[in-house]
């Protein structure tokens, strides 16, 4: 890994609240107002889209994270996606909507998207403008053609369960090259 890549990984780790070994840094906040940042982003997305399938919300969250890594060189939220059979899934979000087909803003009643920054809201708005009218299956198929998910699933049979993390550095590298 070159010096520039190592510096980027160092900045990303600091932003995510871990040191080079993955140990949490003292005092790092993964929350705003007591709510996980990923949940705040999900609240904002459902406010903009209305009721949406859980799978579509997961894919919109993935693309919001990907483009935040590219445009801001920082993750929108520190949680990692995993390379599940139907595409990238954020386990902390899945824990909220498990067993639900449709998700609405009511699921995130304890969150306020007002605590997101203007830049975070604008970036998610751009993602929704591009991907928001696509179906959940279309978005899932797209992720299945892209290297971050493919590389994380390397060697896994089609449809097999997986909890392999899709590294944020791989997401950043791939989408930066588009």
N, C-alpha and C. Protein backbone atom coordinates (compact mmCIF):
# COMPACT_ATOMS: atom_id res chain seq x y z
N UNK A 1 0.85 -1.17 0.00
CA UNK A 1 0.00 0.00 0.00
C UNK A 1 0.90 1.23 0.00
N UNK A 2 0.59 2.17 -0.90
CA UNK A 2 1.37 3.39 -1.00
C UNK A 2 1.10 4.34 0.16
N UNK A 3 1.94 5.35 0.25
CA UNK A 3 1.84 6.32 1.34
C UNK A 3 0.48 7.03 1.33
N UNK A 4 0.01 7.44 0.16
CA UNK A 4 -1.27 8.14 0.07
C UNK A 4 -2.41 7.24 0.56
N UNK A 5 -2.40 5.97 0.17
CA UNK A 5 -3.44 5.04 0.60
C UNK A 5 -3.38 4.81 2.11
N UNK A 6 -2.16 4.69 2.66
CA UNK A 6 -2.02 4.50 4.11
C UNK A 6 -2.55 5.72 4.87
N UNK A 7 -2.27 6.91 4.36
CA UNK A 7 -2.78 8.12 5.00
C UNK A 7 -4.30 8.17 4.95
N UNK A 8 -4.88 7.77 3.83
CA UNK A 8 -6.33 7.76 3.72
C UNK A 8 -6.93 6.76 4.70
N UNK A 9 -6.35 5.57 4.79
CA UNK A 9 -6.84 4.56 5.73
C UNK A 9 -6.72 5.07 7.16
N UNK A 10 -5.62 5.75 7.49
CA UNK A 10 -5.44 6.31 8.82
C UNK A 10 -6.55 7.32 9.12
N UNK A 11 -6.83 8.23 8.18
CA UNK A 11 -7.90 9.22 8.39
C UNK A 11 -9.25 8.54 8.55
N UNK A 12 -9.50 7.52 7.74
CA UNK A 12 -10.76 6.80 7.81
C UNK A 12 -10.91 6.11 9.16
N UNK A 13 -9.84 5.46 9.63
CA UNK A 13 -9.90 4.79 10.93
C UNK A 13 -10.17 5.79 12.04
N UNK A 14 -9.53 6.94 11.99
CA UNK A 14 -9.75 7.96 13.02
C UNK A 14 -11.20 8.43 12.97
N UNK A 15 -11.74 8.62 11.77
CA UNK A 15 -13.13 9.06 11.63
C UNK A 15 -14.08 8.01 12.18
N UNK A 16 -13.75 6.74 11.96
CA UNK A 16 -14.60 5.64 12.43
C UNK A 16 -14.42 5.41 13.92
N UNK A 17 -13.41 6.05 14.52
CA UNK A 17 -13.25 5.93 15.96
C UNK A 17 -12.42 4.75 16.40
N UNK A 18 -11.54 4.26 15.51
CA UNK A 18 -10.66 3.15 15.87
C UNK A 18 -9.22 3.51 15.53
N UNK A 19 -8.30 2.82 16.21
CA UNK A 19 -6.90 3.00 15.85
C UNK A 19 -6.53 1.97 14.78
N UNK A 20 -5.25 1.85 14.45
CA UNK A 20 -4.80 0.95 13.39
C UNK A 20 -5.07 -0.53 13.65
N UNK A 21 -5.37 -0.89 14.89
CA UNK A 21 -5.66 -2.29 15.22
C UNK A 21 -7.16 -2.56 15.33
N UNK A 22 -7.97 -1.53 15.14
CA UNK A 22 -9.41 -1.68 15.27
C UNK A 22 -9.93 -1.43 16.68
N UNK A 23 -9.04 -1.02 17.58
CA UNK A 23 -9.44 -0.72 18.95
C UNK A 23 -10.13 0.64 19.00
N UNK A 24 -11.30 0.71 19.65
CA UNK A 24 -12.00 1.99 19.73
C UNK A 24 -11.16 3.06 20.41
N UNK A 25 -11.22 4.27 19.88
CA UNK A 25 -10.54 5.41 20.48
C UNK A 25 -11.38 5.94 21.63
N UNK A 26 -10.73 6.39 22.69
CA UNK A 26 -11.49 6.92 23.83
C UNK A 26 -12.28 8.17 23.42
N UNK A 27 -13.52 8.21 23.86
CA UNK A 27 -14.34 9.40 23.64
C UNK A 27 -14.90 9.56 22.24
N UNK A 28 -14.65 8.60 21.31
CA UNK A 28 -15.18 8.77 19.96
C UNK A 28 -16.70 8.58 19.97
N UNK A 29 -17.38 9.43 19.25
CA UNK A 29 -18.84 9.38 19.21
C UNK A 29 -19.32 8.74 17.92
N UNK A 30 -20.04 7.65 18.05
CA UNK A 30 -20.67 6.99 16.91
C UNK A 30 -22.14 7.38 16.85
N UNK A 31 -22.49 8.35 17.68
CA UNK A 31 -23.89 8.75 17.81
C UNK A 31 -24.00 10.26 17.80
N UNK A 32 -25.17 10.73 17.50
CA UNK A 32 -25.52 12.14 17.65
C UNK A 32 -26.81 12.17 18.43
N UNK A 33 -26.78 12.85 19.54
CA UNK A 33 -27.98 12.92 20.37
C UNK A 33 -28.43 11.56 20.85
N UNK A 34 -27.49 10.65 21.05
CA UNK A 34 -27.82 9.31 21.54
C UNK A 34 -28.26 8.33 20.47
N UNK A 35 -28.39 8.75 19.23
CA UNK A 35 -28.85 7.90 18.13
C UNK A 35 -27.69 7.59 17.19
N UNK A 36 -27.56 6.33 16.78
CA UNK A 36 -26.51 5.94 15.84
C UNK A 36 -26.66 6.74 14.55
N UNK A 37 -25.53 7.16 13.99
CA UNK A 37 -25.54 8.00 12.78
C UNK A 37 -26.23 7.31 11.60
N UNK A 38 -26.06 5.99 11.47
CA UNK A 38 -26.72 5.27 10.39
C UNK A 38 -28.24 5.33 10.48
N UNK A 39 -28.75 5.32 11.70
CA UNK A 39 -30.20 5.41 11.90
C UNK A 39 -30.70 6.80 11.51
N UNK A 40 -29.91 7.83 11.82
CA UNK A 40 -30.29 9.19 11.40
C UNK A 40 -30.37 9.28 9.88
N UNK A 41 -29.40 8.66 9.20
CA UNK A 41 -29.40 8.67 7.74
C UNK A 41 -30.61 7.92 7.20
N UNK A 42 -30.94 6.79 7.81
CA UNK A 42 -32.11 6.01 7.38
C UNK A 42 -33.39 6.82 7.59
N UNK A 43 -33.47 7.54 8.66
CA UNK A 43 -34.63 8.40 8.93
C UNK A 43 -34.76 9.44 7.80
N UNK A 44 -33.64 10.09 7.46
CA UNK A 44 -33.67 11.11 6.41
C UNK A 44 -34.13 10.50 5.08
N UNK A 45 -33.59 9.34 4.75
CA UNK A 45 -33.95 8.70 3.47
C UNK A 45 -35.44 8.37 3.44
N UNK A 46 -35.97 7.81 4.53
CA UNK A 46 -37.40 7.46 4.53
C UNK A 46 -38.29 8.70 4.55
N UNK A 47 -37.78 9.79 5.11
CA UNK A 47 -38.54 11.05 5.03
C UNK A 47 -38.65 11.51 3.58
N UNK A 48 -37.61 11.29 2.82
CA UNK A 48 -37.59 11.73 1.41
C UNK A 48 -38.32 10.76 0.48
N UNK A 49 -38.24 9.45 0.75
CA UNK A 49 -38.81 8.46 -0.16
C UNK A 49 -40.21 8.04 0.23
N UNK A 50 -40.58 8.22 1.48
CA UNK A 50 -41.81 7.62 1.98
C UNK A 50 -41.55 6.15 2.26
N UNK A 51 -42.61 5.40 2.42
CA UNK A 51 -42.46 3.97 2.71
C UNK A 51 -41.69 3.29 1.57
N UNK A 52 -40.77 2.46 1.94
CA UNK A 52 -39.88 1.82 0.98
C UNK A 52 -39.58 0.40 1.47
N UNK A 53 -39.23 -0.50 0.55
CA UNK A 53 -38.89 -1.85 0.99
C UNK A 53 -37.59 -1.81 1.79
N UNK A 54 -37.47 -2.75 2.70
CA UNK A 54 -36.26 -2.82 3.53
C UNK A 54 -35.02 -3.00 2.65
N UNK A 55 -35.15 -3.82 1.59
CA UNK A 55 -34.00 -4.05 0.72
C UNK A 55 -33.61 -2.76 0.00
N UNK A 56 -34.57 -2.00 -0.46
CA UNK A 56 -34.25 -0.75 -1.15
C UNK A 56 -33.60 0.23 -0.19
N UNK A 57 -34.09 0.32 1.03
CA UNK A 57 -33.47 1.21 2.02
C UNK A 57 -32.02 0.82 2.26
N UNK A 58 -31.76 -0.47 2.38
CA UNK A 58 -30.38 -0.93 2.59
C UNK A 58 -29.48 -0.49 1.43
N UNK A 59 -29.96 -0.62 0.20
CA UNK A 59 -29.13 -0.25 -0.95
C UNK A 59 -28.96 1.26 -1.06
N UNK A 60 -29.99 2.02 -0.75
CA UNK A 60 -29.84 3.48 -0.76
C UNK A 60 -28.85 3.93 0.32
N UNK A 61 -28.88 3.27 1.46
CA UNK A 61 -27.91 3.57 2.52
C UNK A 61 -26.49 3.26 2.04
N UNK A 62 -26.34 2.14 1.35
CA UNK A 62 -25.02 1.76 0.83
C UNK A 62 -24.49 2.82 -0.14
N UNK A 63 -25.33 3.25 -1.05
CA UNK A 63 -24.87 4.26 -2.01
C UNK A 63 -24.65 5.62 -1.35
N UNK A 64 -25.43 5.95 -0.34
CA UNK A 64 -25.19 7.19 0.41
C UNK A 64 -23.82 7.13 1.09
N UNK A 65 -23.50 5.98 1.65
CA UNK A 65 -22.19 5.80 2.29
C UNK A 65 -21.07 5.87 1.24
N UNK A 66 -21.27 5.18 0.13
CA UNK A 66 -20.23 5.14 -0.91
C UNK A 66 -19.90 6.54 -1.42
N UNK A 67 -20.93 7.29 -1.74
CA UNK A 67 -20.68 8.62 -2.31
C UNK A 67 -20.20 9.62 -1.27
N UNK A 68 -20.55 9.43 -0.02
CA UNK A 68 -19.98 10.25 1.05
C UNK A 68 -18.47 10.00 1.15
N UNK A 69 -18.08 8.73 1.03
CA UNK A 69 -16.65 8.40 1.06
C UNK A 69 -15.90 9.07 -0.08
N UNK A 70 -16.55 9.17 -1.24
CA UNK A 70 -15.91 9.79 -2.40
C UNK A 70 -15.93 11.31 -2.28
N UNK A 71 -17.10 11.89 -2.06
CA UNK A 71 -17.24 13.34 -2.10
C UNK A 71 -16.64 14.03 -0.88
N UNK A 72 -16.74 13.42 0.29
CA UNK A 72 -16.26 14.06 1.52
C UNK A 72 -14.99 13.42 2.05
N UNK A 73 -14.62 12.27 1.48
CA UNK A 73 -13.49 11.47 1.96
C UNK A 73 -13.67 11.11 3.43
N UNK A 74 -14.94 10.95 3.82
CA UNK A 74 -15.31 10.53 5.16
C UNK A 74 -16.59 9.71 5.05
N UNK A 75 -16.72 8.71 5.91
CA UNK A 75 -17.98 7.96 5.89
C UNK A 75 -19.13 8.81 6.43
N UNK A 76 -20.30 8.56 5.95
CA UNK A 76 -21.51 9.22 6.45
C UNK A 76 -21.79 8.73 7.87
N UNK A 77 -21.50 7.46 8.11
CA UNK A 77 -21.66 6.84 9.42
C UNK A 77 -20.57 5.79 9.56
N UNK A 78 -20.18 5.43 10.79
CA UNK A 78 -19.02 4.56 10.99
C UNK A 78 -19.29 3.07 10.81
N UNK A 79 -20.53 2.66 10.78
CA UNK A 79 -20.86 1.24 10.71
C UNK A 79 -20.50 0.65 9.35
N UNK A 80 -20.13 -0.63 9.36
CA UNK A 80 -19.72 -1.32 8.14
C UNK A 80 -20.86 -2.12 7.53
N UNK A 81 -20.87 -2.17 6.21
CA UNK A 81 -21.79 -3.04 5.48
C UNK A 81 -21.17 -4.43 5.39
N UNK A 82 -22.04 -5.42 5.30
CA UNK A 82 -21.61 -6.79 5.09
C UNK A 82 -22.11 -7.25 3.72
N UNK A 83 -21.39 -8.20 3.13
CA UNK A 83 -21.70 -8.70 1.79
C UNK A 83 -22.69 -9.86 1.88
N UNK A 84 -23.95 -9.54 2.11
CA UNK A 84 -24.99 -10.55 2.20
C UNK A 84 -25.36 -11.02 0.79
N UNK A 85 -26.14 -12.09 0.72
CA UNK A 85 -26.49 -12.69 -0.56
C UNK A 85 -27.20 -11.72 -1.51
N UNK A 86 -28.08 -10.86 -0.98
CA UNK A 86 -28.82 -9.93 -1.83
C UNK A 86 -28.16 -8.57 -1.95
N UNK A 87 -26.89 -8.48 -1.60
CA UNK A 87 -26.17 -7.22 -1.72
C UNK A 87 -25.73 -6.71 -0.35
N UNK A 88 -25.17 -5.51 -0.33
CA UNK A 88 -24.67 -4.94 0.93
C UNK A 88 -25.80 -4.71 1.93
N UNK A 89 -25.53 -5.07 3.19
CA UNK A 89 -26.49 -4.87 4.27
C UNK A 89 -25.77 -4.27 5.47
N UNK A 90 -26.41 -3.30 6.08
CA UNK A 90 -25.92 -2.67 7.30
C UNK A 90 -26.59 -3.38 8.47
N UNK A 91 -25.85 -4.22 9.20
CA UNK A 91 -26.48 -5.03 10.26
C UNK A 91 -27.20 -4.20 11.32
N UNK A 92 -26.68 -3.03 11.67
CA UNK A 92 -27.35 -2.20 12.69
C UNK A 92 -28.72 -1.74 12.20
N UNK A 93 -28.86 -1.49 10.91
CA UNK A 93 -30.15 -1.12 10.35
C UNK A 93 -31.05 -2.35 10.23
N UNK A 94 -30.47 -3.46 9.82
CA UNK A 94 -31.24 -4.70 9.70
C UNK A 94 -31.88 -5.08 11.04
N UNK A 95 -31.14 -4.85 12.13
CA UNK A 95 -31.66 -5.17 13.46
C UNK A 95 -32.96 -4.40 13.74
N UNK A 96 -33.11 -3.23 13.13
CA UNK A 96 -34.33 -2.43 13.32
C UNK A 96 -35.48 -2.95 12.48
N UNK A 97 -35.20 -3.35 11.24
CA UNK A 97 -36.31 -3.70 10.35
C UNK A 97 -36.47 -5.20 10.13
N UNK A 98 -35.74 -6.00 10.88
CA UNK A 98 -35.80 -7.46 10.71
C UNK A 98 -37.26 -7.94 10.70
N UNK A 99 -37.58 -8.74 9.69
CA UNK A 99 -38.93 -9.29 9.56
C UNK A 99 -39.92 -8.38 8.88
N UNK A 100 -39.50 -7.18 8.54
CA UNK A 100 -40.41 -6.22 7.89
C UNK A 100 -40.10 -6.17 6.40
N UNK A 101 -41.15 -6.12 5.57
CA UNK A 101 -40.93 -5.95 4.13
C UNK A 101 -40.83 -4.46 3.80
N UNK A 102 -41.74 -3.67 4.36
CA UNK A 102 -41.75 -2.23 4.11
C UNK A 102 -41.28 -1.49 5.36
N UNK A 103 -40.60 -0.38 5.13
CA UNK A 103 -40.07 0.45 6.21
C UNK A 103 -40.52 1.88 5.96
N UNK A 104 -40.94 2.54 7.02
CA UNK A 104 -41.32 3.95 6.92
C UNK A 104 -40.59 4.75 7.99
N UNK A 105 -40.76 6.03 7.93
CA UNK A 105 -40.12 6.92 8.90
C UNK A 105 -40.55 6.62 10.33
N UNK A 106 -41.71 5.99 10.51
CA UNK A 106 -42.20 5.66 11.86
C UNK A 106 -41.24 4.71 12.59
N UNK A 107 -40.52 3.89 11.84
CA UNK A 107 -39.56 2.97 12.45
C UNK A 107 -38.43 3.72 13.15
N UNK A 108 -38.22 4.96 12.74
CA UNK A 108 -37.12 5.77 13.28
C UNK A 108 -37.66 6.95 14.09
N UNK A 109 -38.76 6.74 14.77
CA UNK A 109 -39.41 7.82 15.52
C UNK A 109 -38.51 8.41 16.59
N UNK A 110 -37.53 7.62 17.06
CA UNK A 110 -36.62 8.11 18.10
C UNK A 110 -35.48 8.94 17.54
N UNK A 111 -35.44 9.10 16.22
CA UNK A 111 -34.35 9.83 15.56
C UNK A 111 -34.86 11.12 14.94
N UNK A 112 -33.97 12.10 14.84
CA UNK A 112 -34.31 13.35 14.18
C UNK A 112 -33.25 13.64 13.12
N UNK A 113 -33.67 13.65 11.88
CA UNK A 113 -32.72 13.92 10.80
C UNK A 113 -32.22 15.36 10.83
N UNK A 114 -32.83 16.21 11.65
CA UNK A 114 -32.37 17.59 11.79
C UNK A 114 -30.94 17.66 12.32
N UNK A 115 -30.50 16.61 12.99
CA UNK A 115 -29.15 16.63 13.54
C UNK A 115 -28.08 16.28 12.48
N UNK A 116 -28.52 15.92 11.27
CA UNK A 116 -27.57 15.73 10.17
C UNK A 116 -27.11 17.09 9.67
N UNK A 117 -25.88 17.16 9.22
CA UNK A 117 -25.38 18.43 8.70
C UNK A 117 -26.00 18.74 7.34
N UNK A 118 -25.90 19.98 6.94
CA UNK A 118 -26.41 20.40 5.63
C UNK A 118 -25.72 19.61 4.52
N UNK A 119 -24.42 19.41 4.62
CA UNK A 119 -23.67 18.66 3.61
C UNK A 119 -24.12 17.21 3.57
N UNK A 120 -24.34 16.60 4.73
CA UNK A 120 -24.81 15.21 4.77
C UNK A 120 -26.17 15.09 4.09
N UNK A 121 -27.07 16.02 4.38
CA UNK A 121 -28.41 15.99 3.76
C UNK A 121 -28.31 16.24 2.25
N UNK A 122 -27.47 17.19 1.84
CA UNK A 122 -27.32 17.47 0.41
C UNK A 122 -26.76 16.26 -0.33
N UNK A 123 -25.76 15.61 0.24
CA UNK A 123 -25.17 14.44 -0.42
C UNK A 123 -26.16 13.29 -0.53
N UNK A 124 -26.92 13.06 0.53
CA UNK A 124 -27.94 12.02 0.45
C UNK A 124 -29.03 12.41 -0.56
N UNK A 125 -29.33 13.69 -0.66
CA UNK A 125 -30.28 14.15 -1.66
C UNK A 125 -29.80 13.84 -3.07
N UNK A 126 -28.52 14.04 -3.34
CA UNK A 126 -27.97 13.71 -4.66
C UNK A 126 -28.08 12.22 -4.95
N UNK A 127 -27.79 11.41 -3.94
CA UNK A 127 -27.91 9.96 -4.11
C UNK A 127 -29.35 9.58 -4.41
N UNK A 128 -30.29 10.18 -3.69
CA UNK A 128 -31.70 9.87 -3.92
C UNK A 128 -32.18 10.35 -5.29
N UNK A 129 -31.65 11.47 -5.77
CA UNK A 129 -32.01 11.94 -7.11
C UNK A 129 -31.60 10.91 -8.17
N UNK A 130 -30.44 10.29 -7.99
CA UNK A 130 -29.95 9.35 -8.98
C UNK A 130 -30.54 7.94 -8.80
N UNK A 131 -30.52 7.44 -7.56
CA UNK A 131 -30.91 6.05 -7.31
C UNK A 131 -32.34 5.89 -6.79
N UNK A 132 -32.96 6.96 -6.33
CA UNK A 132 -34.23 6.87 -5.63
C UNK A 132 -35.38 6.30 -6.42
N UNK A 133 -35.39 6.46 -7.74
CA UNK A 133 -36.51 5.94 -8.53
C UNK A 133 -36.27 4.50 -9.01
N UNK A 134 -35.14 3.94 -8.66
CA UNK A 134 -34.82 2.56 -9.06
C UNK A 134 -35.50 1.58 -8.11
N UNK A 135 -35.79 0.37 -8.59
CA UNK A 135 -36.39 -0.65 -7.74
C UNK A 135 -35.32 -1.28 -6.84
N UNK A 136 -35.78 -1.92 -5.80
CA UNK A 136 -34.87 -2.63 -4.90
C UNK A 136 -34.08 -3.68 -5.67
N UNK A 137 -34.74 -4.40 -6.55
CA UNK A 137 -34.05 -5.46 -7.31
C UNK A 137 -33.02 -4.86 -8.26
N UNK A 138 -33.33 -3.75 -8.88
CA UNK A 138 -32.38 -3.09 -9.78
C UNK A 138 -31.14 -2.68 -9.00
N UNK A 139 -31.35 -2.09 -7.82
CA UNK A 139 -30.22 -1.66 -6.99
C UNK A 139 -29.41 -2.86 -6.52
N UNK A 140 -30.08 -3.93 -6.13
CA UNK A 140 -29.37 -5.14 -5.71
C UNK A 140 -28.55 -5.71 -6.85
N UNK A 141 -29.15 -5.77 -8.04
CA UNK A 141 -28.42 -6.27 -9.22
C UNK A 141 -27.19 -5.40 -9.50
N UNK A 142 -27.34 -4.09 -9.34
CA UNK A 142 -26.20 -3.20 -9.57
C UNK A 142 -25.07 -3.50 -8.60
N UNK A 143 -25.39 -3.65 -7.32
CA UNK A 143 -24.32 -3.94 -6.34
C UNK A 143 -23.64 -5.26 -6.67
N UNK A 144 -24.36 -6.20 -7.28
CA UNK A 144 -23.79 -7.50 -7.62
C UNK A 144 -22.81 -7.43 -8.78
N UNK A 145 -22.77 -6.29 -9.45
CA UNK A 145 -21.84 -6.10 -10.57
C UNK A 145 -20.63 -5.28 -10.16
N UNK A 146 -20.61 -4.79 -8.94
CA UNK A 146 -19.57 -3.85 -8.50
C UNK A 146 -18.56 -4.53 -7.58
N UNK A 147 -17.30 -4.13 -7.74
CA UNK A 147 -16.19 -4.81 -7.06
C UNK A 147 -16.26 -4.89 -5.54
N UNK A 148 -16.69 -3.87 -4.81
CA UNK A 148 -16.67 -4.02 -3.35
C UNK A 148 -17.45 -5.24 -2.86
N UNK A 149 -18.67 -5.43 -3.37
CA UNK A 149 -19.48 -6.59 -2.98
C UNK A 149 -18.89 -7.88 -3.55
N UNK A 150 -18.51 -7.85 -4.83
CA UNK A 150 -17.94 -9.05 -5.46
C UNK A 150 -16.68 -9.52 -4.75
N UNK A 151 -15.79 -8.59 -4.42
CA UNK A 151 -14.53 -8.96 -3.77
C UNK A 151 -14.78 -9.51 -2.36
N UNK A 152 -15.72 -8.91 -1.64
CA UNK A 152 -16.02 -9.39 -0.29
C UNK A 152 -16.66 -10.78 -0.33
N UNK A 153 -17.39 -11.08 -1.38
CA UNK A 153 -18.06 -12.39 -1.53
C UNK A 153 -17.15 -13.42 -2.19
N UNK A 154 -15.95 -13.07 -2.52
CA UNK A 154 -15.02 -13.94 -3.25
C UNK A 154 -15.07 -15.38 -2.72
N UNK A 155 -15.45 -16.28 -3.58
CA UNK A 155 -15.47 -17.69 -3.22
C UNK A 155 -16.77 -18.14 -2.59
N UNK A 156 -17.67 -17.23 -2.25
CA UNK A 156 -18.96 -17.63 -1.66
C UNK A 156 -19.90 -18.09 -2.77
N UNK A 157 -20.58 -19.22 -2.57
CA UNK A 157 -21.55 -19.65 -3.57
C UNK A 157 -22.71 -18.65 -3.69
N UNK A 158 -23.31 -18.59 -4.87
CA UNK A 158 -24.44 -17.70 -5.10
C UNK A 158 -25.53 -18.01 -4.08
N UNK A 159 -26.03 -16.98 -3.43
CA UNK A 159 -27.11 -17.14 -2.47
C UNK A 159 -26.68 -17.57 -1.07
N UNK A 160 -25.40 -17.86 -0.89
CA UNK A 160 -24.92 -18.31 0.42
C UNK A 160 -24.87 -17.14 1.40
N UNK A 161 -25.19 -17.40 2.67
CA UNK A 161 -25.08 -16.34 3.67
C UNK A 161 -23.62 -15.91 3.86
N UNK A 162 -23.44 -14.67 4.23
CA UNK A 162 -22.10 -14.15 4.47
C UNK A 162 -22.18 -12.97 5.42
N UNK A 163 -21.22 -12.87 6.30
CA UNK A 163 -21.11 -11.71 7.19
C UNK A 163 -19.79 -11.00 6.96
N UNK A 164 -19.19 -11.23 5.81
CA UNK A 164 -17.91 -10.60 5.48
C UNK A 164 -18.13 -9.10 5.32
N UNK A 165 -17.30 -8.32 6.00
CA UNK A 165 -17.39 -6.87 5.93
C UNK A 165 -16.88 -6.38 4.58
N UNK A 166 -17.58 -5.43 4.00
CA UNK A 166 -17.10 -4.75 2.80
C UNK A 166 -16.29 -3.56 3.31
N UNK A 167 -14.97 -3.60 3.15
CA UNK A 167 -14.14 -2.51 3.71
C UNK A 167 -14.49 -1.14 3.11
N UNK A 168 -14.56 -0.15 3.98
CA UNK A 168 -14.84 1.20 3.50
C UNK A 168 -13.75 1.67 2.54
N UNK A 169 -12.53 1.22 2.75
CA UNK A 169 -11.45 1.59 1.84
C UNK A 169 -11.70 1.03 0.44
N UNK A 170 -12.27 -0.17 0.35
CA UNK A 170 -12.59 -0.77 -0.96
C UNK A 170 -13.73 -0.01 -1.63
N UNK A 171 -14.71 0.39 -0.84
CA UNK A 171 -15.83 1.17 -1.37
C UNK A 171 -15.30 2.50 -1.92
N UNK A 172 -14.48 3.18 -1.14
CA UNK A 172 -13.92 4.46 -1.57
C UNK A 172 -13.10 4.30 -2.85
N UNK A 173 -12.24 3.31 -2.88
CA UNK A 173 -11.38 3.11 -4.06
C UNK A 173 -12.21 2.84 -5.31
N UNK A 174 -13.21 1.98 -5.19
CA UNK A 174 -14.02 1.62 -6.36
C UNK A 174 -14.82 2.81 -6.88
N UNK A 175 -15.58 3.47 -6.01
CA UNK A 175 -16.45 4.54 -6.49
C UNK A 175 -15.65 5.80 -6.88
N UNK A 176 -14.48 5.95 -6.33
CA UNK A 176 -13.62 7.08 -6.75
C UNK A 176 -13.14 6.90 -8.18
N UNK A 177 -13.09 5.65 -8.63
CA UNK A 177 -12.58 5.38 -9.97
C UNK A 177 -13.65 5.52 -11.05
N UNK A 178 -14.90 5.70 -10.66
CA UNK A 178 -15.98 5.80 -11.66
C UNK A 178 -16.05 7.18 -12.28
